[in-house]
C-alpha atoms as a PDB file:
ATOM      1  CA  MET A   1     101.319 106.533  97.544  1.00  0.00           C
ATOM      2  CA  GLU A   2      98.147 108.100  99.023  1.00  0.00           C
ATOM      3  CA  GLU A   3      94.809 107.772  97.612  1.00  0.00           C
ATOM      4  CA  PHE A   4      92.640 111.248  96.670  1.00  0.00           C
ATOM      5  CA  GLU A   5      91.933 112.955  99.600  1.00  0.00           C
ATOM      6  CA  ARG A   6      88.042 113.748  99.850  1.00  0.00           C
ATOM      7  CA  TYR A   7      85.717 115.774 101.464  1.00  0.00           C
ATOM      8  CA  TYR A   8      83.776 114.783 104.778  1.00  0.00           C
ATOM      9  CA  VAL A   9      80.292 116.684 104.956  1.00  0.00           C
ATOM     10  CA  ASN A  10      76.743 116.147 107.059  1.00  0.00           C
ATOM     11  CA  THR A  11      74.454 117.905 105.282  1.00  0.00           C
ATOM     12  CA  LYS A  12      73.183 118.429 100.921  1.00  0.00           C
ATOM     13  CA  GLU A  13      73.605 122.114 101.519  1.00  0.00           C
ATOM     14  CA  ARG A  14      77.149 121.846 102.885  1.00  0.00           C
ATOM     15  CA  VAL A  15      78.381 119.259 100.429  1.00  0.00           C
ATOM     16  CA  LEU A  16      76.961 121.499  97.883  1.00  0.00           C
ATOM     17  CA  ARG A  17      78.364 124.327  98.954  1.00  0.00           C
ATOM     18  CA  ASP A  18      81.894 122.547  99.577  1.00  0.00           C
ATOM     19  CA  VAL A  19      81.452 121.129  95.676  1.00  0.00           C
ATOM     20  CA  LYS A  20      80.761 124.860  94.478  1.00  0.00           C
ATOM     21  CA  LYS A  21      83.367 126.404  96.544  1.00  0.00           C
ATOM     22  CA  SER A  22      85.960 124.020  95.601  1.00  0.00           C
ATOM     23  CA  LEU A  23      85.643 124.196  91.768  1.00  0.00           C
ATOM     24  CA  VAL A  24      85.092 127.772  91.517  1.00  0.00           C
ATOM     25  CA  THR A  25      88.438 128.163  93.143  1.00  0.00           C
ATOM     26  CA  TYR A  26      90.107 125.885  91.358  1.00  0.00           C
ATOM     27  CA  SER A  27      88.275 126.689  87.536  1.00  0.00           C
ATOM     28  CA  PRO A  28      90.207 129.741  86.546  1.00  0.00           C
ATOM     29  CA  LYS A  29      93.280 128.174  87.612  1.00  0.00           C
ATOM     30  CA  ILE A  30      93.189 125.069  85.043  1.00  0.00           C
ATOM     31  CA  GLU A  31      95.092 126.794  82.284  1.00  0.00           C
ATOM     32  CA  THR A  32      96.666 129.243  83.874  1.00  0.00           C
ATOM     33  CA  TYR A  33      98.396 127.787  86.941  1.00  0.00           C
ATOM     34  CA  TYR A  34      98.139 124.151  86.241  1.00  0.00           C
ATOM     35  CA  ARG A  35      98.724 124.630  82.477  1.00  0.00           C
ATOM     36  CA  HIS A  36      95.758 122.302  81.162  1.00  0.00           C
ATOM     37  CA  SER A  37      94.735 122.798  77.681  1.00  0.00           C
ATOM     38  CA  HIS A  38      91.821 124.117  76.706  1.00  0.00           C
ATOM     39  CA  PHE A  39      89.755 121.033  75.964  1.00  0.00           C
ATOM     40  CA  PHE A  40      90.820 120.149  79.731  1.00  0.00           C
ATOM     41  CA  ALA A  41      88.861 123.033  80.979  1.00  0.00           C
ATOM     42  CA  GLU A  42      86.347 122.711  78.662  1.00  0.00           C
ATOM     43  CA  GLU A  43      85.637 118.960  79.267  1.00  0.00           C
ATOM     44  CA  PHE A  44      86.236 119.553  83.013  1.00  0.00           C
ATOM     45  CA  LYS A  45      83.481 122.301  83.297  1.00  0.00           C
ATOM     46  CA  ARG A  46      80.668 120.013  81.931  1.00  0.00           C
ATOM     47  CA  TYR A  47      81.563 117.291  83.972  1.00  0.00           C
ATOM     48  CA  SER A  48      81.615 119.446  86.839  1.00  0.00           C
ATOM     49  CA  THR A  49      78.605 120.948  86.110  1.00  0.00           C
ATOM     50  CA  GLU A  50      76.720 118.145  85.765  1.00  0.00           C
ATOM     51  CA  PHE A  51      78.268 117.067  88.823  1.00  0.00           C
ATOM     52  CA  CYS A  52      76.869 120.023  90.698  1.00  0.00           C
ATOM     53  CA  ASN A  53      73.235 119.997  89.315  1.00  0.00           C
ATOM     54  CA  ARG A  54      72.751 116.085  90.359  1.00  0.00           C
ATOM     55  CA  ILE A  55      73.946 116.786  94.117  1.00  0.00           C
ATOM     56  CA  GLU A  56      70.996 119.542  93.668  1.00  0.00           C
ATOM     57  CA  LYS A  57      68.500 117.678  92.273  1.00  0.00           C
ATOM     58  CA  SER A  58      69.094 114.465  94.370  1.00  0.00           C
ATOM     59  CA  VAL A  59      66.910 113.897  97.867  1.00  0.00           C
ATOM     60  CA  LEU A  60      69.661 113.303 100.356  1.00  0.00           C
ATOM     61  CA  PRO A  61      69.004 112.659 103.955  1.00  0.00           C
ATOM     62  CA  THR A  62      70.076 115.555 105.698  1.00  0.00           C
ATOM     63  CA  PRO A  63      71.360 116.406 108.538  1.00  0.00           C
ATOM     64  CA  LEU A  64      72.749 112.968 109.261  1.00  0.00           C
ATOM     65  CA  PRO A  65      73.195 111.318 112.266  1.00  0.00           C
ATOM     66  CA  ASP A  66      76.189 111.014 114.009  1.00  0.00           C
ATOM     67  CA  GLU A  67      79.292 108.782 112.531  1.00  0.00           C
ATOM     68  CA  TRP A  68      77.553 109.642 109.184  1.00  0.00           C
ATOM     69  CA  GLU A  69      79.231 111.683 106.574  1.00  0.00           C
ATOM     70  CA  PHE A  70      78.672 112.855 102.771  1.00  0.00           C
ATOM     71  CA  GLN A  71      82.620 112.293 100.999  1.00  0.00           C
ATOM     72  CA  TRP A  72      82.696 113.624  97.271  1.00  0.00           C
ATOM     73  CA  TYR A  73      85.583 113.283  94.852  1.00  0.00           C
ATOM     74  CA  MET A  74      86.846 113.373  91.345  1.00  0.00           C
ATOM     75  CA  THR A  75      89.074 111.481  88.956  1.00  0.00           C
ATOM     76  CA  GLU A  76      89.676 111.298  85.509  1.00  0.00           C
ATOM     77  CA  PHE A  77      86.737 108.602  85.605  1.00  0.00           C
ATOM     78  CA  GLU A  78      84.411 109.812  87.134  1.00  0.00           C
ATOM     79  CA  ALA A  79      83.093 112.095  90.465  1.00  0.00           C
ATOM     80  CA  GLU A  80      81.117 110.351  93.049  1.00  0.00           C
ATOM     81  CA  LEU A  81      79.310 111.201  95.902  1.00  0.00           C
ATOM     82  CA  GLU A  82      79.307 108.680  98.801  1.00  0.00           C
ATOM     83  CA  LEU A  83      77.199 108.241 101.960  1.00  0.00           C
ATOM     84  CA  LYS A  84      79.963 106.437 104.973  1.00  0.00           C
ATOM     85  CA  HIS A  85      79.286 105.201 108.160  1.00  0.00           C
ATOM     86  CA  THR A  86      82.637 105.391 110.469  1.00  0.00           C
ATOM     87  CA  THR A  87      82.834 104.046 113.979  1.00  0.00           C
ATOM     88  CA  PRO A  88      84.153 105.500 116.988  1.00  0.00           C
ATOM     89  CA  ILE A  89      87.752 104.524 116.361  1.00  0.00           C
ATOM     90  CA  GLY A  90      87.599 105.921 112.528  1.00  0.00           C
ATOM     91  CA  GLU A  91      87.312 102.999 110.338  1.00  0.00           C
ATOM     92  CA  VAL A  92      84.816 103.002 107.631  1.00  0.00           C
ATOM     93  CA  ASP A  93      82.197  99.597 108.362  1.00  0.00           C
ATOM     94  CA  GLN A  94      79.286 100.995 105.806  1.00  0.00           C
ATOM     95  CA  SER A  95      79.433 102.461 102.422  1.00  0.00           C
ATOM     96  CA  TYR A  96      77.138 103.347  99.609  1.00  0.00           C
ATOM     97  CA  VAL A  97      77.605 105.369  96.239  1.00  0.00           C
ATOM     98  CA  LEU A  98      74.748 107.856  95.987  1.00  0.00           C
ATOM     99  CA  ILE A  99      75.791 109.640  92.866  1.00  0.00           C
ATOM    100  CA  THR A 100      78.169 108.801  89.770  1.00  0.00           C
ATOM    101  CA  VAL A 101      79.063 111.630  87.227  1.00  0.00           C
ATOM    102  CA  LYS A 102      81.050 110.338  84.458  1.00  0.00           C
ATOM    103  CA  PRO A 103      83.074 112.187  81.766  1.00  0.00           C
ATOM    104  CA  ARG A 104      83.421 111.537  78.146  1.00  0.00           C
ATOM    105  CA  MET A 105      85.229 108.233  76.903  1.00  0.00           C
ATOM    106  CA  LEU A 106      86.939 108.994  73.761  1.00  0.00           C
ATOM    107  CA  ASN A 107      87.791 106.296  70.951  1.00  0.00           C
ATOM    108  CA  THR A 108      91.544 106.334  69.951  1.00  0.00           C
ATOM    109  CA  GLU A 109      90.375 108.439  66.653  1.00  0.00           C
ATOM    110  CA  GLU A 110      88.745 110.939  68.717  1.00  0.00           C
ATOM    111  CA  TYR A 111      91.876 111.543  70.956  1.00  0.00           C
ATOM    112  CA  ALA A 112      94.113 111.181  68.070  1.00  0.00           C
ATOM    113  CA  LEU A 113      92.281 114.146  66.414  1.00  0.00           C
ATOM    114  CA  ARG A 114      92.467 116.334  69.471  1.00  0.00           C
ATOM    115  CA  CYS A 115      96.081 115.616  69.915  1.00  0.00           C
ATOM    116  CA  ASP A 116      96.986 116.321  66.305  1.00  0.00           C
ATOM    117  CA  THR A 117      98.641 113.010  65.836  1.00  0.00           C
ATOM    118  CA  ASN A 118      97.602 109.363  64.306  1.00  0.00           C
ATOM    119  CA  VAL A 119      95.770 106.193  66.069  1.00  0.00           C
ATOM    120  CA  ARG A 120      99.397 104.255  66.232  1.00  0.00           C
ATOM    121  CA  THR A 121     100.633 106.767  68.203  1.00  0.00           C
ATOM    122  CA  ILE A 122      97.857 106.290  70.775  1.00  0.00           C
ATOM    123  CA  THR A 123      98.116 102.998  70.755  1.00  0.00           C
ATOM    124  CA  GLN A 124     102.201 103.738  71.472  1.00  0.00           C
ATOM    125  CA  TRP A 125     101.575 105.853  74.170  1.00  0.00           C
ATOM    126  CA  ILE A 126      99.095 103.465  75.836  1.00  0.00           C
ATOM    127  CA  ARG A 127     102.085 100.300  75.631  1.00  0.00           C
ATOM    128  CA  ARG A 128     104.517 102.508  77.003  1.00  0.00           C
ATOM    129  CA  GLY A 129     102.026 103.388  79.870  1.00  0.00           C
ATOM    130  CA  LYS A 130     101.979 107.026  79.055  1.00  0.00           C
ATOM    131  CA  LEU A 131      98.432 107.106  78.981  1.00  0.00           C
ATOM    132  CA  ARG A 132      96.863 105.753  81.667  1.00  0.00           C
ATOM    133  CA  ALA A 133      93.476 107.167  82.110  1.00  0.00           C
ATOM    134  CA  ALA A 134      92.075 104.337  79.466  1.00  0.00           C
ATOM    135  CA  TYR A 135      90.459 100.734  79.486  1.00  0.00           C
ATOM    136  CA  LYS A 136      89.556  98.268  76.699  1.00  0.00           C
ATOM    137  CA  ALA A 137      86.161  97.766  75.595  1.00  0.00           C
ATOM    138  CA  GLY A 138      86.255  94.640  73.665  1.00  0.00           C
ATOM    139  CA  ASN A 139      88.930  95.600  71.331  1.00  0.00           C
ATOM    140  CA  GLU A 140      88.709  99.286  71.817  1.00  0.00           C
ATOM    141  CA  TRP A 141      90.226 101.072  73.863  1.00  0.00           C
ATOM    142  CA  ARG A 142      88.694 104.093  75.391  1.00  0.00           C
ATOM    143  CA  ILE A 143      90.152 107.258  77.099  1.00  0.00           C
ATOM    144  CA  SER A 144      89.080 109.902  79.642  1.00  0.00           C
ATOM    145  CA  ALA A 145      88.679 113.240  77.598  1.00  0.00           C
ATOM    146  CA  LEU A 146      90.451 114.656  81.171  1.00  0.00           C
ATOM    147  CA  THR A 147      93.317 113.025  79.814  1.00  0.00           C
ATOM    148  CA  GLU A 148      96.233 115.427  78.892  1.00  0.00           C
ATOM    149  CA  LYS A 149      98.627 114.668  75.814  1.00  0.00           C
ATOM    150  CA  PRO A 150     101.283 112.773  77.357  1.00  0.00           C
ATOM    151  CA  GLU A 151     104.605 115.351  77.920  1.00  0.00           C
ATOM    152  CA  ASN A 152     107.974 113.746  76.480  1.00  0.00           C
ATOM    153  CA  ARG A 153     109.379 112.820  79.582  1.00  0.00           C
ATOM    154  CA  GLY A 154     110.950 109.483  81.102  1.00  0.00           C
ATOM    155  CA  TYR A 155     108.942 106.903  82.766  1.00  0.00           C
ATOM    156  CA  ILE A 156     106.383 108.163  85.373  1.00  0.00           C
ATOM    157  CA  ASP A 157     105.974 105.653  88.838  1.00  0.00           C
ATOM    158  CA  SER A 158     102.520 104.651  89.024  1.00  0.00           C
ATOM    159  CA  TYR A 159     100.358 102.500  91.193  1.00  0.00           C
ATOM    160  CA  TYR A 160      97.074 100.195  90.196  1.00  0.00           C
ATOM    161  CA  LYS A 161      94.627  99.541  92.672  1.00  0.00           C
ATOM    162  CA  TRP A 162      91.795  96.687  92.642  1.00  0.00           C
ATOM    163  CA  GLU A 163      88.758  95.487  94.731  1.00  0.00           C
ATOM    164  CA  GLU A 164      87.322  93.017  93.332  1.00  0.00           C
ATOM    165  CA  VAL A 165      88.266  89.497  91.336  1.00  0.00           C
ATOM    166  CA  LEU A 166      89.755  90.578  88.121  1.00  0.00           C
ATOM    167  CA  GLU A 167      88.135  88.631  85.273  1.00  0.00           C
ATOM    168  CA  GLY A 168      89.304  88.100  82.003  1.00  0.00           C
ATOM    169  CA  LEU A 169      92.897  87.905  82.623  1.00  0.00           C
ATOM    170  CA  PRO A 170      95.357  86.380  80.612  1.00  0.00           C
ATOM    171  CA  ASP A 171      96.926  82.909  82.226  1.00  0.00           C
ATOM    172  CA  GLU A 172     100.227  84.209  82.612  1.00  0.00           C
ATOM    173  CA  TYR A 173      98.928  87.558  84.482  1.00  0.00           C
ATOM    174  CA  LYS A 174      95.875  85.566  86.669  1.00  0.00           C
ATOM    175  CA  PHE A 175      98.254  85.534  89.481  1.00  0.00           C
ATOM    176  CA  LEU A 176      97.414  89.267  89.919  1.00  0.00           C
ATOM    177  CA  ASN A 177      94.015  88.256  91.747  1.00  0.00           C
ATOM    178  CA  GLN A 178      96.447  86.871  94.929  1.00  0.00           C
ATOM    179  CA  PHE A 179      97.247  90.797  95.108  1.00  0.00           C
ATOM    180  CA  GLY A 180      95.341  94.307  95.519  1.00  0.00           C
ATOM    181  CA  SER A 181      97.578  96.870  94.109  1.00  0.00           C
ATOM    182  CA  VAL A 182     100.544  96.546  91.982  1.00  0.00           C
ATOM    183  CA  ALA A 183     102.930  99.878  92.457  1.00  0.00           C
ATOM    184  CA  ILE A 184     105.839 100.549  89.699  1.00  0.00           C
ATOM    185  CA  ARG A 185     108.838 102.377  90.030  1.00  0.00           C
ATOM    186  CA  LYS A 186     112.189 103.109  88.206  1.00  0.00           C
ATOM    187  CA  SER A 187     114.879 101.157  89.342  1.00  0.00           C
ATOM    188  CA  ASN A 188     117.646 103.634  90.987  1.00  0.00           C
ATOM    189  CA  GLU A 189     120.262 100.681  90.107  1.00  0.00           C
ATOM    190  CA  SER A 190     119.709 100.087  86.512  1.00  0.00           C
ATOM    191  CA  SER A 191     117.467 102.762  83.944  1.00  0.00           C
ATOM    192  CA  ASP A 192     115.861  99.903  81.675  1.00  0.00           C
ATOM    193  CA  LYS A 193     114.819  97.992  84.787  1.00  0.00           C
ATOM    194  CA  TYR A 194     111.347  98.431  87.155  1.00  0.00           C
ATOM    195  CA  GLU A 195     110.990  97.711  90.717  1.00  0.00           C
ATOM    196  CA  VAL A 196     107.529  96.366  90.654  1.00  0.00           C
ATOM    197  CA  LYS A 197     105.528  95.795  94.149  1.00  0.00           C
ATOM    198  CA  PHE A 198     102.501  93.563  94.394  1.00  0.00           C
ATOM    199  CA  THR A 199     100.771  93.857  97.826  1.00  0.00           C
ATOM    200  CA  GLU A 200      97.769  91.963  99.284  1.00  0.00           C
ATOM    201  CA  ARG A 201      94.359  93.238  99.872  1.00  0.00           C
ATOM    202  CA  ASP A 202      94.198  95.258 103.188  1.00  0.00           C
ATOM    203  CA  SER A 203      94.552  92.593 105.813  1.00  0.00           C
ATOM    204  CA  ALA A 204      90.845  92.204 107.484  1.00  0.00           C
ATOM    205  CA  ASP A 205      92.112  92.332 111.069  1.00  0.00           C
ATOM    206  CA  GLY A 206      93.658  95.761 110.182  1.00  0.00           C
ATOM    207  CA  GLY A 207      97.537  94.289 110.166  1.00  0.00           C
ATOM    208  CA  PHE A 208      99.796  94.997 107.941  1.00  0.00           C
ATOM    209  CA  SER A 209      99.531  93.285 104.374  1.00  0.00           C
ATOM    210  CA  ASP A 210     101.918  91.097 102.661  1.00  0.00           C
ATOM    211  CA  PHE A 211     104.175  92.121  99.899  1.00  0.00           C
ATOM    212  CA  ILE A 212     106.565  90.309  97.080  1.00  0.00           C
ATOM    213  CA  VAL A 213     109.015  92.973  94.973  1.00  0.00           C
ATOM    214  CA  LYS A 214     110.382  92.131  91.761  1.00  0.00           C
ATOM    215  CA  THR A 215     112.579  93.501  88.963  1.00  0.00           C
ATOM    216  CA  TYR A 216     110.817  93.587  85.651  1.00  0.00           C
ATOM    217  CA  GLY A 217     112.921  94.641  82.048  1.00  0.00           C
ATOM    218  CA  ASN A 218     111.262  97.156  79.906  1.00  0.00           C
ATOM    219  CA  GLU A 219     109.366  94.437  77.633  1.00  0.00           C
ATOM    220  CA  GLU A 220     108.195  92.873  80.663  1.00  0.00           C
ATOM    221  CA  ARG A 221     106.794  95.617  82.417  1.00  0.00           C
ATOM    222  CA  GLU A 222     104.915  97.184  79.444  1.00  0.00           C
ATOM    223  CA  LYS A 223     103.309  93.944  79.262  1.00  0.00           C
ATOM    224  CA  LEU A 224     102.025  93.575  82.838  1.00  0.00           C
ATOM    225  CA  GLU A 225     101.263  97.759  82.419  1.00  0.00           C
ATOM    226  CA  ILE A 226      99.475  97.409  79.343  1.00  0.00           C
ATOM    227  CA  VAL A 227      97.161  94.376  81.172  1.00  0.00           C
ATOM    228  CA  LEU A 228      96.636  96.710  84.210  1.00  0.00           C
ATOM    229  CA  ILE A 229      95.476  99.946  82.186  1.00  0.00           C
ATOM    230  CA  ALA A 230      93.240  97.605  79.780  1.00  0.00           C
ATOM    231  CA  ASN A 231      91.236  95.972  83.102  1.00  0.00           C
ATOM    232  CA  ARG A 232      88.210  98.340  83.748  1.00  0.00           C
ATOM    233  CA  ASN A 233      88.357  97.196  87.279  1.00  0.00           C
ATOM    234  CA  ILE A 234      91.648  98.449  87.714  1.00  0.00           C
ATOM    235  CA  GLU A 235      91.891 101.636  88.825  1.00  0.00           C
ATOM    236  CA  TYR A 236      95.109 104.098  88.184  1.00  0.00           C
ATOM    237  CA  ILE A 237      95.653 106.179  90.969  1.00  0.00           C
ATOM    238  CA  PRO A 238      98.181 109.364  90.303  1.00  0.00           C
ATOM    239  CA  GLU A 239     100.096 110.900  92.932  1.00  0.00           C
ATOM    240  CA  PHE A 240      97.737 112.725  95.128  1.00  0.00           C
ATOM    241  CA  PRO A 241      99.722 116.611  93.967  1.00  0.00           C
ATOM    242  CA  HIS A 242      98.869 115.590  90.433  1.00  0.00           C
ATOM    243  CA  SER A 243      95.518 113.842  90.403  1.00  0.00           C
ATOM    244  CA  ILE A 244      92.278 116.182  89.885  1.00  0.00           C
ATOM    245  CA  MET A 245      91.516 116.063  93.354  1.00  0.00           C
ATOM    246  CA  GLY A 246      95.032 117.130  94.636  1.00  0.00           C
ATOM    247  CA  GLN A 247      94.963 120.291  92.061  1.00  0.00           C
ATOM    248  CA  ILE A 248      91.349 121.156  93.345  1.00  0.00           C
ATOM    249  CA  TYR A 249      92.714 121.033  97.351  1.00  0.00           C
ATOM    250  CA  SER A 250      96.145 122.641  96.541  1.00  0.00           C
ATOM    251  CA  SER A 251      93.904 125.533  94.527  1.00  0.00           C
ATOM    252  CA  ALA A 252      92.652 127.144  97.550  1.00  0.00           C
ATOM    253  CA  ASN A 253      96.137 127.938  98.518  1.00  0.00           C
ATOM    254  CA  ILE A 254      96.979 129.224  95.279  1.00  0.00           C
ATOM    255  CA  ARG A 255      96.295 133.418  94.853  1.00  0.00           C
END
């Protein structure tokens, strides 16, 4: 699975133009083509407008020297503008976050009201891996306002990634700190089995990272996935075509 495709530019004027142009192309298609709800469309409008305003009001170094670039992206959890340095062989060796804008985070009562259901159903959706743009704050769930009501369909393969040591893990899941990502997909051999691939963090020398694959039953998979979703330092990465950046990118080719 690929991470979000991002846009690289080297002046403030160009990054602002690129963001605005991409959003002007995407916004009219949010409800008509991508079939998002009106709630999503309104939240995305607020979120993207704030992101553009923050870029416009910020003092940014420009133009950037060679090998330095601005990079922007948007997810269900945040919109960021970063400054990155790329070596002549294409490796990023320095990275700085310049601007971060976050969407509203809803509690279970607010999200249940939006979906015309109850809190128990919301927690069931999280436990079953149907709501992944969420995290645990103390004893309360927080759900991104850019999270749509789950469709009534089967399990969707998932991918989670983290960059730092994970704190507060239950004892049986402390082994996750040996790795940097988990990919879960439904087994082709059995409808109630899942192939779970644990991969170590990227190798410092650029080599291949070691991994192990285990087979989980549905209950084991649910217990693991709720730990992954709950931890704020673990990022759920949807397949690119279904991500916000994937839709922004593809909207330019839709007439």
